[in-house]
């Protein structure tokens, strides 16, 4: 009968504090870059939306002025 190879219970494994520290620092760097990217994206989106709103208001003002001009021309 063929049996499975005996597997250890992992008791021989030891945590590497240096490796864990490097892993933690790497994940913190990624989290920091992600936070910066979210902030930059938010700033860019807000600027885009402000520009879009300004353009919409300017177009609305032009239409209003044109309507006033047509009304007064009668």
C-alpha atoms as a PDB file:
ATOM      1  CA  UNK A   1       0.000   0.000   0.000  1.00  0.00           C
ATOM      2  CA  UNK A   2       1.320   3.412  -0.964  1.00  0.00           C
ATOM      3  CA  UNK A   3       0.882   6.055   1.665  1.00  0.00           C
ATOM      4  CA  UNK A   4       1.262   9.804   1.626  1.00  0.00           C
ATOM      5  CA  UNK A   5       4.570  11.250   2.600  1.00  0.00           C
ATOM      6  CA  UNK A   6       4.629  12.411   6.172  1.00  0.00           C
ATOM      7  CA  UNK A   7       4.072  16.125   6.417  1.00  0.00           C
ATOM      8  CA  UNK A   8       5.333  18.195   9.263  1.00  0.00           C
ATOM      9  CA  UNK A   9       3.041  20.338  11.296  1.00  0.00           C
ATOM     10  CA  UNK A  10       5.045  23.471  10.523  1.00  0.00           C
ATOM     11  CA  UNK A  11       6.642  23.563  13.961  1.00  0.00           C
ATOM     12  CA  UNK A  12      10.060  23.904  12.320  1.00  0.00           C
ATOM     13  CA  UNK A  13       9.032  27.193  10.679  1.00  0.00           C
ATOM     14  CA  UNK A  14      10.120  30.353  12.399  1.00  0.00           C
ATOM     15  CA  UNK A  15       8.956  33.842  11.640  1.00  0.00           C
ATOM     16  CA  UNK A  16      11.604  36.175  10.296  1.00  0.00           C
ATOM     17  CA  UNK A  17      11.125  39.506  12.000  1.00  0.00           C
ATOM     18  CA  UNK A  18      13.357  41.129   9.393  1.00  0.00           C
ATOM     19  CA  UNK A  19      11.226  39.662   6.595  1.00  0.00           C
ATOM     20  CA  UNK A  20       8.000  40.677   8.307  1.00  0.00           C
ATOM     21  CA  UNK A  21       9.326  44.188   8.825  1.00  0.00           C
ATOM     22  CA  UNK A  22      10.282  44.439   5.140  1.00  0.00           C
ATOM     23  CA  UNK A  23       6.865  43.117   4.125  1.00  0.00           C
ATOM     24  CA  UNK A  24       5.114  45.601   6.423  1.00  0.00           C
ATOM     25  CA  UNK A  25       7.189  48.501   5.078  1.00  0.00           C
ATOM     26  CA  UNK A  26       6.422  47.465   1.502  1.00  0.00           C
ATOM     27  CA  UNK A  27       2.683  47.279   2.176  1.00  0.00           C
ATOM     28  CA  UNK A  28       2.802  50.664   3.906  1.00  0.00           C
ATOM     29  CA  UNK A  29       4.585  52.172   0.874  1.00  0.00           C
ATOM     30  CA  UNK A  30       1.899  50.767  -1.411  1.00  0.00           C
ATOM     31  CA  UNK A  31      -0.848  52.082   0.874  1.00  0.00           C
ATOM     32  CA  UNK A  32       0.820  55.496   0.933  1.00  0.00           C
ATOM     33  CA  UNK A  33       1.103  55.602  -2.879  1.00  0.00           C
ATOM     34  CA  UNK A  34      -2.535  54.549  -3.178  1.00  0.00           C
ATOM     35  CA  UNK A  35      -3.623  57.306  -0.794  1.00  0.00           C
ATOM     36  CA  UNK A  36      -1.611  59.872  -2.768  1.00  0.00           C
ATOM     37  CA  UNK A  37      -3.106  58.634  -6.032  1.00  0.00           C
ATOM     38  CA  UNK A  38      -6.636  58.887  -4.596  1.00  0.00           C
ATOM     39  CA  UNK A  39      -5.938  62.424  -3.391  1.00  0.00           C
ATOM     40  CA  UNK A  40      -4.487  63.482  -6.764  1.00  0.00           C
ATOM     41  CA  UNK A  41      -7.447  61.909  -8.548  1.00  0.00           C
ATOM     42  CA  UNK A  42      -9.894  63.734  -6.306  1.00  0.00           C
ATOM     43  CA  UNK A  43      -8.135  67.068  -6.916  1.00  0.00           C
ATOM     44  CA  UNK A  44      -8.086  66.448 -10.693  1.00  0.00           C
ATOM     45  CA  UNK A  45     -11.763  65.456 -10.729  1.00  0.00           C
ATOM     46  CA  UNK A  46     -12.766  68.526  -8.692  1.00  0.00           C
ATOM     47  CA  UNK A  47     -10.854  70.811 -11.070  1.00  0.00           C
ATOM     48  CA  UNK A  48     -12.504  69.116 -14.055  1.00  0.00           C
ATOM     49  CA  UNK A  49     -15.955  69.484 -12.521  1.00  0.00           C
ATOM     50  CA  UNK A  50     -15.319  73.152 -11.656  1.00  0.00           C
ATOM     51  CA  UNK A  51     -14.275  73.824 -15.256  1.00  0.00           C
ATOM     52  CA  UNK A  52     -17.329  71.986 -16.575  1.00  0.00           C
ATOM     53  CA  UNK A  53     -19.620  73.958 -14.251  1.00  0.00           C
ATOM     54  CA  UNK A  54     -17.972  77.237 -15.259  1.00  0.00           C
ATOM     55  CA  UNK A  55     -18.435  76.396 -18.943  1.00  0.00           C
ATOM     56  CA  UNK A  56     -22.068  75.466 -18.348  1.00  0.00           C
ATOM     57  CA  UNK A  57     -22.726  78.731 -16.499  1.00  0.00           C
ATOM     58  CA  UNK A  58     -20.996  80.760 -19.226  1.00  0.00           C
ATOM     59  CA  UNK A  59     -23.088  79.048 -21.925  1.00  0.00           C
ATOM     60  CA  UNK A  60     -26.222  79.662 -19.888  1.00  0.00           C
ATOM     61  CA  UNK A  61     -25.312  83.352 -19.502  1.00  0.00           C
ATOM     62  CA  UNK A  62     -24.738  83.646 -23.275  1.00  0.00           C
ATOM     63  CA  UNK A  63     -28.124  82.067 -24.003  1.00  0.00           C
ATOM     64  CA  UNK A  64     -29.793  84.368 -21.499  1.00  0.00           C
ATOM     65  CA  UNK A  65     -28.106  87.438 -23.001  1.00  0.00           C
ATOM     66  CA  UNK A  66     -29.133  86.334 -26.497  1.00  0.00           C
ATOM     67  CA  UNK A  67     -32.742  85.885 -25.385  1.00  0.00           C
ATOM     68  CA  UNK A  68     -32.731  89.336 -23.782  1.00  0.00           C
ATOM     69  CA  UNK A  69     -31.301  90.820 -26.958  1.00  0.00           C
ATOM     70  CA  UNK A  70     -34.000  89.129 -29.088  1.00  0.00           C
ATOM     71  CA  UNK A  71     -36.727  90.279 -26.708  1.00  0.00           C
ATOM     72  CA  UNK A  72     -35.521  93.895 -26.769  1.00  0.00           C
ATOM     73  CA  UNK A  73     -35.114  93.868 -30.553  1.00  0.00           C
ATOM     74  CA  UNK A  74     -38.856  93.460 -31.021  1.00  0.00           C
END
